[in-house]
Amino acid sequence: MVNLSLVIPVYNEEENIRPLMESLAKNLDGIDHEVIFVDDGSSDHTVDEIIKRSGENVRVLVFSRNFGQTSALAAGIDAAKGEFIATLDGDLQNDPADIPMMLERLQKDNLDIVAGRRLNRRDGMILRKIPSKIANFLIRKVTKVKVHDYGCTLKIFRASLAKKLDLYGELHRFIPILGSIHGAKIAEMYVRHHPRKFGQSKYGIGRTLKVASDLLLMFFFVKYRQKPMHLFGMLGLGMFGGGFLIETWLLLEKIAGQSIANRPLFYIGILLIIMSIQFITTGFVAELIMRTYFGATSRKPYSIHKKYQAGRELHKKLKSSKGITT
């Protein structure tokens, strides 16, 4: 079995392929590994460059069009055969020299994810660094997952965890959060970061809105994925309570002889009651969908890290490993 699978999404990176593959060969010498390039619909000669320089341990998955980095990472992880999986960008800004020490840290400390934290980040201040710092701060505060650099692609996982992450949409930035949902043990390490030498960056200020919208989804996943009724029911009951109090007060005013038909508060109270019914109904539907999801996919709303069983025969088998990892 391959020990380490490297998943590298690439999109129009033909000039970076040769130095990247040379760096991988140099820095991963002595580690049993495979390299999986996932071409995300390149319009240049990226695929030709990879094939021309490929060895037996290199595979290429070519998308029919541009599906995005999350899909590229998901495809590479699905295809990976290694016990551990490393992800990195194909633009030479991540340094393969950091991978051996990250892998050593993961194994030594019995971790599930080691996430890179870029030291002396070589990107533009206004368009990249400042928005990234704000986004990372908000993500940490909302999700309580203490990772400082969600934008760094360089990460190493146990394959058993990586294949359960259900990556889709634009969720590759939130891999540590998805891992934490499964109870992953996560650590960070400072890694090198180089300026881009060839090609153009595929990221811009426009991704900020995508991160903000995905952050709302992550908040829901972390807090209410298994209990959506707690969110929608709480909002619904709060609105119903507010609407009920408003209408009760206006009813007393009406009994006292006051006119309430033309008062905006009357309509606000009715609107709150209607919205409360909608939120509570949405909570019921979300609960049914969640239960159908777990039932239809045979998934469980929990994750078992290890299993232990006492017994003489099993004890002999576990004498060296001290446990069975599932």
Protein backbone atom coordinates (compact mmCIF):
# COMPACT_ATOMS: atom_id res chain seq x y z
CA MET A 1 0.00 0.00 0.00
CA VAL A 2 1.22 3.49 -0.87
CA ASN A 3 2.09 5.46 2.26
CA LEU A 4 1.40 8.99 0.99
CA SER A 5 -0.83 10.31 -1.80
CA LEU A 6 -0.30 13.87 -3.01
CA VAL A 7 -3.35 15.54 -4.54
CA ILE A 8 -2.51 18.58 -6.65
CA PRO A 9 -5.26 20.53 -8.46
CA VAL A 10 -3.93 22.45 -11.46
CA TYR A 11 -5.50 24.96 -13.82
CA ASN A 12 -3.37 26.54 -16.56
CA GLU A 13 -0.06 25.92 -14.77
CA GLU A 14 2.07 24.55 -17.63
CA GLU A 15 5.16 26.59 -16.69
CA ASN A 16 5.03 25.41 -13.09
CA ILE A 17 4.84 21.67 -13.79
CA ARG A 18 8.52 20.95 -14.43
CA PRO A 19 9.91 22.74 -11.32
CA LEU A 20 7.07 21.34 -9.20
CA MET A 21 7.74 17.74 -10.22
CA GLU A 22 11.48 18.22 -9.70
CA SER A 23 10.84 19.59 -6.21
CA LEU A 24 8.51 16.68 -5.38
CA ALA A 25 11.10 14.13 -6.50
CA LYS A 26 13.83 15.85 -4.48
CA ASN A 27 11.94 16.41 -1.24
CA LEU A 28 9.95 13.16 -1.12
CA ASP A 29 12.86 10.86 -1.85
CA GLY A 30 12.64 7.94 0.56
CA ILE A 31 8.87 8.30 1.12
CA ASP A 32 6.66 5.78 -0.67
CA HIS A 33 4.27 8.09 -2.46
CA GLU A 34 2.05 8.69 -5.45
CA VAL A 35 1.22 12.00 -7.12
CA ILE A 36 -2.30 12.68 -8.41
CA PHE A 37 -2.65 15.75 -10.59
CA VAL A 38 -6.24 16.86 -11.16
CA ASP A 39 -6.51 19.12 -14.19
CA ASP A 40 -9.45 21.44 -13.68
CA GLY A 41 -10.21 22.15 -17.35
CA SER A 42 -6.92 23.81 -18.36
CA SER A 43 -6.85 25.55 -21.75
CA ASP A 44 -3.05 25.47 -22.07
CA HIS A 45 -0.57 22.56 -22.22
CA THR A 46 -0.63 21.70 -18.51
CA VAL A 47 -1.74 18.09 -19.10
CA ASP A 48 0.87 17.56 -21.84
CA GLU A 49 3.61 18.80 -19.50
CA ILE A 50 2.52 16.41 -16.74
CA ILE A 51 2.30 13.39 -19.06
CA LYS A 52 5.67 14.19 -20.61
CA ARG A 53 7.37 14.15 -17.22
CA SER A 54 5.32 11.43 -15.50
CA GLY A 55 6.81 8.41 -13.79
CA GLU A 56 5.10 5.25 -12.58
CA ASN A 57 3.89 6.97 -9.43
CA VAL A 58 2.14 9.85 -11.25
CA ARG A 59 -1.51 9.86 -12.28
CA VAL A 60 -3.53 12.56 -14.04
CA LEU A 61 -7.27 13.11 -13.77
CA VAL A 62 -8.55 15.47 -16.46
CA PHE A 63 -11.87 17.26 -15.99
CA SER A 64 -14.05 17.93 -19.02
CA ARG A 65 -14.35 21.58 -17.95
CA ASN A 66 -13.52 23.85 -15.04
CA PHE A 67 -15.39 22.58 -11.96
CA GLY A 68 -13.43 24.43 -9.28
CA GLN A 69 -10.77 23.60 -6.72
CA THR A 70 -13.11 21.84 -4.30
CA SER A 71 -14.22 19.35 -6.94
CA ALA A 72 -10.61 18.82 -8.02
CA LEU A 73 -9.54 18.03 -4.45
CA ALA A 74 -12.54 15.73 -3.98
CA ALA A 75 -11.71 13.78 -7.15
CA GLY A 76 -8.06 13.42 -6.13
CA ILE A 77 -8.94 12.28 -2.62
CA ASP A 78 -11.42 9.72 -3.99
CA ALA A 79 -8.70 8.33 -6.27
CA ALA A 80 -5.95 8.30 -3.62
CA LYS A 81 -4.56 4.95 -2.49
CA GLY A 82 -2.25 6.12 0.29
CA GLU A 83 -2.67 5.78 4.02
CA PHE A 84 -2.09 9.52 4.26
CA ILE A 85 -3.13 12.26 1.84
CA ALA A 86 -1.41 15.60 1.27
CA THR A 87 -2.96 18.45 -0.70
CA LEU A 88 -1.04 21.37 -2.20
CA ASP A 89 -1.42 23.96 -4.92
CA GLY A 90 0.24 23.52 -8.30
CA ASP A 91 1.53 27.11 -8.52
CA LEU A 92 4.81 26.56 -6.59
CA GLN A 93 3.72 28.83 -3.74
CA ASN A 94 3.44 25.80 -1.42
CA ASP A 95 6.81 24.16 -0.78
CA PRO A 96 6.97 20.32 -1.00
CA ALA A 97 9.93 20.49 1.40
CA ASP A 98 7.43 21.05 4.23
CA ILE A 99 5.56 17.79 3.59
CA PRO A 100 7.95 15.32 5.33
CA MET A 101 7.95 17.27 8.61
CA MET A 102 4.14 17.65 8.48
CA LEU A 103 3.76 13.91 7.92
CA GLU A 104 6.15 13.22 10.80
CA ARG A 105 4.17 15.54 13.09
CA LEU A 106 0.87 13.87 12.16
CA GLN A 107 2.21 10.40 12.94
CA LYS A 108 4.20 11.36 16.03
CA ASP A 109 1.31 13.19 17.73
CA ASN A 110 -1.38 10.79 16.46
CA LEU A 111 -3.25 13.59 14.65
CA ASP A 112 -5.85 13.41 11.91
CA ILE A 113 -5.08 16.72 10.16
CA VAL A 114 -1.99 18.89 10.05
CA ALA A 115 -2.83 22.22 8.42
CA GLY A 116 -0.23 24.57 7.00
CA ARG A 117 0.00 28.14 8.26
CA ARG A 118 1.84 30.34 5.79
CA LEU A 119 4.83 32.15 7.28
CA ASN A 120 5.76 35.46 5.58
CA ARG A 121 2.95 35.11 3.07
CA ARG A 122 4.00 36.37 -0.37
CA ASP A 123 0.73 37.84 -1.66
CA GLY A 124 -0.68 41.31 -2.21
CA MET A 125 -1.65 43.15 0.99
CA ILE A 126 -4.89 44.82 -0.12
CA LEU A 127 -6.46 42.16 -2.31
CA ARG A 128 -5.20 39.01 -0.59
CA LYS A 129 -3.74 39.39 2.91
CA ILE A 130 -6.21 41.78 4.55
CA PRO A 131 -9.38 40.03 3.28
CA SER A 132 -7.81 36.69 4.27
CA LYS A 133 -7.04 37.86 7.82
CA ILE A 134 -10.58 39.15 8.26
CA ALA A 135 -12.08 35.94 6.88
CA ASN A 136 -9.87 33.70 9.05
CA PHE A 137 -10.80 35.71 12.16
CA LEU A 138 -14.53 35.45 11.42
CA ILE A 139 -14.30 31.71 10.70
CA ARG A 140 -12.52 31.05 13.99
CA LYS A 141 -15.05 33.08 15.96
CA VAL A 142 -18.10 31.52 14.32
CA THR A 143 -17.00 27.88 14.21
CA LYS A 144 -14.65 27.75 17.27
CA VAL A 145 -12.16 25.71 15.20
CA LYS A 146 -8.83 27.34 16.01
CA VAL A 147 -7.08 27.30 12.64
CA HIS A 148 -5.39 30.56 11.62
CA ASP A 149 -4.92 30.06 7.87
CA TYR A 150 -7.91 28.43 6.18
CA GLY A 151 -6.67 29.55 2.78
CA CYS A 152 -3.49 27.44 2.82
CA THR A 153 -4.02 24.41 0.59
CA LEU A 154 -1.02 22.55 2.04
CA LYS A 155 -2.50 20.04 4.47
CA ILE A 156 -1.98 16.38 5.41
CA PHE A 157 -4.78 14.04 6.53
CA ARG A 158 -5.32 10.45 7.36
CA ALA A 159 -7.02 8.96 4.31
CA SER A 160 -9.72 7.37 6.47
CA LEU A 161 -10.82 10.88 7.46
CA ALA A 162 -10.25 12.63 4.13
CA LYS A 163 -12.55 10.24 2.29
CA LYS A 164 -15.43 11.11 4.65
CA LEU A 165 -15.31 14.87 4.18
CA ASP A 166 -18.01 15.21 1.47
CA LEU A 167 -16.33 18.07 -0.40
CA TYR A 168 -18.54 20.00 -2.80
CA GLY A 169 -19.31 23.58 -3.81
CA GLU A 170 -16.55 25.84 -2.45
CA LEU A 171 -15.94 24.01 0.81
CA HIS A 172 -12.22 23.25 0.34
CA ARG A 173 -11.42 26.30 2.51
CA PHE A 174 -13.31 24.73 5.40
CA ILE A 175 -11.67 21.29 5.43
CA PRO A 176 -10.55 21.64 9.09
CA ILE A 177 -14.15 22.42 10.07
CA LEU A 178 -15.49 19.46 8.12
CA GLY A 179 -12.85 17.35 9.84
CA SER A 180 -13.84 18.67 13.27
CA ILE A 181 -17.42 17.53 12.63
CA HIS A 182 -16.00 13.98 12.53
CA GLY A 183 -14.01 14.62 15.73
CA ALA A 184 -10.64 15.06 14.01
CA LYS A 185 -7.54 15.96 16.02
CA ILE A 186 -6.11 19.03 14.27
CA ALA A 187 -2.81 20.89 14.56
CA GLU A 188 -1.12 23.68 12.61
CA MET A 189 2.46 24.07 11.46
CA TYR A 190 4.20 27.05 9.96
CA VAL A 191 5.09 26.39 6.33
CA ARG A 192 7.01 28.29 3.70
CA HIS A 193 5.26 30.41 1.11
CA HIS A 194 6.80 31.57 -2.15
CA PRO A 195 5.79 34.31 -4.57
CA ARG A 196 4.19 33.12 -7.79
CA LYS A 197 6.80 32.98 -10.57
CA PHE A 198 4.75 31.81 -13.53
CA GLY A 199 1.13 32.23 -14.59
CA GLN A 200 -1.59 34.25 -12.94
CA SER A 201 -3.40 33.85 -9.64
CA LYS A 202 -6.90 32.36 -9.90
CA TYR A 203 -8.04 34.14 -6.75
CA GLY A 204 -9.37 37.66 -6.32
CA ILE A 205 -11.36 39.91 -4.04
CA GLY A 206 -14.56 38.41 -5.46
CA ARG A 207 -14.09 35.24 -3.42
CA THR A 208 -14.81 37.19 -0.20
CA LEU A 209 -18.57 37.00 -0.72
CA LYS A 210 -18.31 33.26 -1.43
CA VAL A 211 -16.41 32.76 1.83
CA ALA A 212 -19.04 34.76 3.73
CA SER A 213 -21.92 32.70 2.36
CA ASP A 214 -20.08 29.41 2.92
CA LEU A 215 -19.34 30.52 6.49
CA LEU A 216 -23.07 30.62 7.20
CA LEU A 217 -23.31 27.06 5.91
CA MET A 218 -20.40 25.98 8.11
CA PHE A 219 -22.04 27.59 11.15
CA PHE A 220 -25.16 25.56 10.42
CA PHE A 221 -23.11 22.36 9.93
CA VAL A 222 -21.18 22.78 13.17
CA LYS A 223 -24.11 23.82 15.37
CA TYR A 224 -27.27 22.38 13.85
CA ARG A 225 -26.44 19.71 11.26
CA GLN A 226 -27.88 16.94 13.44
CA LYS A 227 -30.57 19.07 15.07
CA PRO A 228 -31.89 21.63 12.54
CA MET A 229 -35.16 21.97 14.44
CA HIS A 230 -33.22 23.60 17.29
CA LEU A 231 -32.34 26.48 14.97
CA PHE A 232 -35.55 26.90 13.00
CA GLY A 233 -37.76 26.07 15.96
CA MET A 234 -35.99 28.59 18.18
CA LEU A 235 -36.35 31.33 15.56
CA GLY A 236 -39.97 30.37 14.89
CA LEU A 237 -40.96 30.35 18.55
CA GLY A 238 -39.20 33.66 19.13
CA MET A 239 -41.06 35.29 16.25
CA PHE A 240 -44.35 33.74 17.33
CA GLY A 241 -43.84 35.05 20.86
CA GLY A 242 -43.08 38.54 19.59
CA GLY A 243 -46.06 38.55 17.22
CA PHE A 244 -48.39 37.16 19.90
CA LEU A 245 -47.37 39.83 22.43
CA ILE A 246 -47.83 42.60 19.87
CA GLU A 247 -51.27 41.42 18.80
CA THR A 248 -52.36 40.83 22.42
CA TRP A 249 -51.35 44.35 23.36
CA LEU A 250 -53.16 45.78 20.33
CA LEU A 251 -56.25 43.71 21.21
CA LEU A 252 -56.29 45.30 24.66
CA GLU A 253 -55.95 48.73 23.00
CA LYS A 254 -58.86 47.87 20.73
CA ILE A 255 -60.98 46.85 23.73
CA ALA A 256 -60.09 50.17 25.32
CA GLY A 257 -61.52 51.95 22.27
CA GLN A 258 -58.33 52.70 20.34
CA SER A 259 -58.14 52.31 16.55
CA ILE A 260 -55.50 49.78 15.48
CA ALA A 261 -56.34 49.07 11.83
CA ASN A 262 -53.97 51.72 10.43
CA ARG A 263 -51.10 51.11 12.84
CA PRO A 264 -47.94 49.53 11.28
CA LEU A 265 -47.41 47.52 14.45
CA PHE A 266 -50.58 45.56 13.73
CA TYR A 267 -49.14 44.30 10.43
CA ILE A 268 -45.72 43.67 11.93
CA GLY A 269 -47.31 41.37 14.52
CA ILE A 270 -49.22 39.46 11.83
CA LEU A 271 -46.03 39.17 9.73
CA LEU A 272 -44.07 37.77 12.70
CA ILE A 273 -46.72 35.12 13.34
CA ILE A 274 -46.75 34.08 9.65
CA MET A 275 -42.94 33.94 9.55
CA SER A 276 -42.89 31.89 12.76
CA ILE A 277 -45.10 29.26 11.14
CA GLN A 278 -42.78 29.19 8.11
CA PHE A 279 -39.66 28.74 10.24
CA ILE A 280 -41.19 25.98 12.33
CA THR A 281 -42.41 24.20 9.19
CA THR A 282 -38.92 24.54 7.68
CA GLY A 283 -37.51 22.96 10.84
CA PHE A 284 -39.83 19.97 10.46
CA VAL A 285 -38.80 19.55 6.79
CA ALA A 286 -35.09 19.87 7.65
CA GLU A 287 -35.44 17.21 10.36
CA LEU A 288 -37.13 14.84 7.89
CA ILE A 289 -34.40 15.46 5.29
CA MET A 290 -31.65 14.87 7.86
CA ARG A 291 -33.21 11.62 9.04
CA THR A 292 -33.78 10.49 5.44
CA TYR A 293 -30.15 11.32 4.61
CA PHE A 294 -28.72 9.21 7.41
CA GLY A 295 -31.18 6.41 6.77
CA ALA A 296 -30.79 6.23 2.98
CA THR A 297 -26.98 6.49 2.97
CA SER A 298 -26.45 4.18 5.96
CA ARG A 299 -24.36 6.94 7.50
CA LYS A 300 -24.25 7.54 11.21
CA PRO A 301 -24.41 10.89 13.03
CA TYR A 302 -21.23 9.96 14.89
CA SER A 303 -17.68 8.86 14.08
CA ILE A 304 -15.85 5.98 15.85
CA HIS A 305 -12.11 6.59 15.99
CA LYS A 306 -10.98 3.28 17.51
CA LYS A 307 -12.44 0.04 18.86
CA TYR A 308 -11.08 -1.97 21.74
CA GLN A 309 -12.26 -5.36 22.98
CA ALA A 310 -10.96 -7.31 25.91
CA GLY A 311 -10.18 -11.00 25.40
CA ARG A 312 -7.23 -13.35 25.38
CA GLU A 313 -7.21 -14.15 21.66
CA LEU A 314 -7.69 -10.52 20.66
CA HIS A 315 -5.05 -9.44 23.16
CA LYS A 316 -2.47 -11.54 21.34
CA LYS A 317 -3.33 -9.89 18.04
CA LEU A 318 -3.24 -6.41 19.57
CA LYS A 319 -0.04 -6.91 21.53
CA SER A 320 2.00 -4.80 19.15
CA SER A 321 -0.63 -2.35 17.88
CA LYS A 322 -2.60 -1.80 21.11
CA GLY A 323 -5.80 -1.29 19.18
CA ILE A 324 -7.74 -1.57 15.96
CA THR A 325 -8.22 1.62 14.00
CA THR A 326 -11.43 1.88 12.03
